[in-house]
Protein backbone atom coordinates (compact mmCIF):
# COMPACT_ATOMS: atom_id res chain seq x y z
CA UNK A 1 -36.22 -10.14 -16.39
CA UNK A 2 -35.51 -12.16 -13.25
CA UNK A 3 -38.31 -14.43 -12.17
CA UNK A 4 -39.43 -14.15 -8.55
CA UNK A 5 -40.14 -17.35 -6.64
CA UNK A 6 -42.26 -17.49 -3.47
CA UNK A 7 -41.50 -19.97 -0.68
CA UNK A 8 -42.55 -20.68 2.89
CA UNK A 9 -39.06 -21.63 4.13
CA UNK A 10 -35.56 -20.97 2.88
CA UNK A 11 -32.14 -22.33 3.79
CA UNK A 12 -29.01 -20.39 2.92
CA UNK A 13 -26.79 -21.97 0.27
CA UNK A 14 -23.65 -21.12 -1.73
CA UNK A 15 -25.73 -19.01 -4.14
CA UNK A 16 -27.30 -16.77 -1.47
CA UNK A 17 -25.94 -13.22 -1.76
CA UNK A 18 -28.37 -10.99 0.18
CA UNK A 19 -31.22 -11.52 2.63
CA UNK A 20 -33.21 -8.35 3.23
CA UNK A 21 -36.48 -7.42 4.93
CA UNK A 22 -39.34 -7.23 2.44
CA UNK A 23 -41.90 -5.17 4.44
CA UNK A 24 -44.79 -7.37 3.34
CA UNK A 25 -47.21 -8.95 5.84
CA UNK A 26 -46.86 -12.39 4.22
CA UNK A 27 -43.47 -12.54 2.48
CA UNK A 28 -41.19 -10.98 5.06
CA UNK A 29 -37.84 -11.57 3.33
CA UNK A 30 -36.40 -10.93 -0.09
CA UNK A 31 -33.49 -13.18 -0.97
CA UNK A 32 -31.10 -12.47 -3.80
CA UNK A 33 -29.26 -15.43 -5.23
CA UNK A 34 -26.81 -15.26 -8.11
CA UNK A 35 -29.52 -15.83 -10.71
CA UNK A 36 -32.89 -15.46 -8.99
CA UNK A 37 -34.93 -13.58 -6.39
CA UNK A 38 -36.96 -15.39 -3.75
CA UNK A 39 -39.67 -14.04 -1.48
CA UNK A 40 -39.97 -15.96 1.78
CA UNK A 41 -42.48 -16.00 4.61
CA UNK A 42 -39.70 -16.22 7.22
CA UNK A 43 -37.99 -13.11 8.58
CA UNK A 44 -34.32 -12.61 7.66
CA UNK A 45 -33.34 -13.44 11.25
CA UNK A 46 -35.36 -16.68 11.18
CA UNK A 47 -33.66 -17.67 7.91
CA UNK A 48 -30.22 -17.07 9.45
CA UNK A 49 -31.13 -19.00 12.62
CA UNK A 50 -32.70 -22.00 10.88
CA UNK A 51 -29.82 -22.16 8.39
CA UNK A 52 -27.27 -22.14 11.25
CA UNK A 53 -29.08 -25.04 12.90
CA UNK A 54 -29.49 -27.07 9.70
CA UNK A 55 -26.00 -26.53 8.33
CA UNK A 56 -23.89 -26.39 11.44
CA UNK A 57 -25.92 -27.75 14.31
CA UNK A 58 -25.78 -24.50 16.28
CA UNK A 59 -28.28 -21.71 16.81
CA UNK A 60 -27.75 -18.13 15.74
CA UNK A 61 -27.23 -17.22 19.40
CA UNK A 62 -24.59 -19.95 19.76
CA UNK A 63 -22.73 -18.79 16.65
CA UNK A 64 -23.02 -15.15 17.76
CA UNK A 65 -21.58 -15.96 21.20
CA UNK A 66 -18.65 -17.83 19.67
CA UNK A 67 -17.83 -14.93 17.35
CA UNK A 68 -18.10 -12.45 20.22
CA UNK A 69 -15.33 -14.41 21.94
CA UNK A 70 -13.19 -14.67 18.78
CA UNK A 71 -13.54 -11.00 17.75
CA UNK A 72 -14.06 -9.40 21.17
CA UNK A 73 -16.90 -7.47 19.56
CA UNK A 74 -20.57 -7.59 20.55
CA UNK A 75 -22.58 -5.73 17.89
CA UNK A 76 -22.93 -6.17 14.15
CA UNK A 77 -20.79 -9.28 14.13
CA UNK A 78 -20.68 -11.59 11.09
CA UNK A 79 -22.43 -14.91 11.56
CA UNK A 80 -20.74 -18.06 10.24
CA UNK A 81 -23.79 -19.96 8.98
CA UNK A 82 -21.68 -22.82 7.62
CA UNK A 83 -18.03 -22.02 8.32
CA UNK A 84 -16.76 -25.24 6.69
CA UNK A 85 -18.08 -23.92 3.36
CA UNK A 86 -17.10 -20.29 4.00
CA UNK A 87 -20.74 -19.17 4.29
CA UNK A 88 -20.54 -16.11 6.52
CA UNK A 89 -23.18 -13.38 6.59
CA UNK A 90 -22.55 -9.78 7.56
CA UNK A 91 -25.33 -7.68 9.11
CA UNK A 92 -25.73 -4.05 8.04
CA UNK A 93 -27.01 -3.03 11.48
CA UNK A 94 -27.66 -4.64 14.85
CA UNK A 95 -28.52 -8.30 14.30
CA UNK A 96 -31.98 -8.10 15.85
CA UNK A 97 -32.96 -4.81 14.18
CA UNK A 98 -35.97 -5.44 11.88
CA UNK A 99 -34.34 -3.43 9.06
CA UNK A 100 -31.11 -5.44 9.12
CA UNK A 101 -29.96 -6.71 5.74
CA UNK A 102 -27.55 -9.65 5.57
CA UNK A 103 -24.76 -9.80 2.98
CA UNK A 104 -22.82 -12.96 2.09
CA UNK A 105 -19.12 -12.30 2.61
CA UNK A 106 -17.97 -14.83 -0.02
CA UNK A 107 -19.83 -13.00 -2.81
CA UNK A 108 -18.56 -9.46 -2.06
CA UNK A 109 -15.97 -8.16 -4.50
CA UNK A 110 -15.93 -4.51 -3.41
CA UNK A 111 -17.87 -1.74 -1.70
CA UNK A 112 -18.18 1.86 -2.81
CA UNK A 113 -19.93 4.97 -1.62
CA UNK A 114 -23.20 5.92 -3.26
CA UNK A 115 -22.56 9.37 -4.78
CA UNK A 116 -24.26 12.07 -2.72
CA UNK A 117 -25.35 9.60 -0.03
CA UNK A 118 -22.80 9.33 2.78
CA UNK A 119 -24.87 6.73 4.66
CA UNK A 120 -25.32 4.35 1.74
CA UNK A 121 -22.98 1.84 0.15
CA UNK A 122 -23.10 -0.06 -3.13
CA UNK A 123 -21.98 -3.62 -2.55
CA UNK A 124 -20.46 -5.06 -5.71
CA UNK A 125 -20.59 -8.82 -6.11
CA UNK A 126 -18.29 -11.08 -8.11
CA UNK A 127 -21.07 -11.69 -10.64
CA UNK A 128 -21.09 -7.87 -11.27
CA UNK A 129 -24.47 -7.33 -9.65
CA UNK A 130 -24.75 -4.52 -7.12
CA UNK A 131 -26.92 -3.99 -4.07
CA UNK A 132 -27.42 -0.71 -2.21
CA UNK A 133 -27.39 -0.89 1.59
CA UNK A 134 -28.07 1.75 4.24
CA UNK A 135 -24.69 1.75 5.94
CA UNK A 136 -21.74 4.11 5.70
CA UNK A 137 -19.04 2.84 3.32
CA UNK A 138 -16.43 2.83 6.11
CA UNK A 139 -18.69 0.67 8.29
CA UNK A 140 -19.36 -1.71 5.40
CA UNK A 141 -15.62 -2.03 4.80
CA UNK A 142 -15.20 -2.79 8.51
CA UNK A 143 -17.86 -5.49 8.21
CA UNK A 144 -15.99 -7.07 5.30
CA UNK A 145 -12.71 -7.00 7.24
CA UNK A 146 -14.35 -8.50 10.32
CA UNK A 147 -15.94 -11.25 8.19
CA UNK A 148 -12.52 -11.94 6.65
CA UNK A 149 -11.13 -12.39 10.18
CA UNK A 150 -13.94 -14.84 11.02
CA UNK A 151 -13.43 -16.64 7.70
CA UNK A 152 -9.71 -17.02 8.41
CA UNK A 153 -10.34 -18.16 11.96
CA UNK A 154 -12.48 -21.09 10.83
CA UNK A 155 -10.36 -22.09 7.83
CA UNK A 156 -6.85 -21.66 9.22
CA UNK A 157 -6.65 -25.29 10.39
CA UNK A 158 -6.82 -26.41 6.76
CA UNK A 159 -3.53 -24.66 6.09
CA UNK A 160 -1.65 -25.07 9.36
CA UNK A 161 -0.53 -28.49 10.49
């Protein structure tokens, strides 16, 4: 059984896989790491924003604007929380929607349709855990491809001289 930890504040790290709304008046987010679950008082959006500021010196809005320019897309864009470490989070719906769940691109191994549920997707992580999200499989695949583009954009300078 996985132990659940409760915190006031949370910063995204390399182990963060999912940040989802928790629908609790006190602990508003549920965070899934590779080996633990954390309940946090911050909203998922606040966690993304504060992590962007702490790890990259830019706000969520600043990161979002930069990615809008890079991808020429305005909604449901991946947010590079710490692009130097490949930490990019994909929203499952509009970024400011209160039901938006955030998935860490670097942990996603595959996505598959939930049988009998055309608007749900099972996200399969490299550690073999799965997480069900309310998004069509084709849209989730598009999110992964868009995050891959963002990932490549920030890391290409390491390989091109």
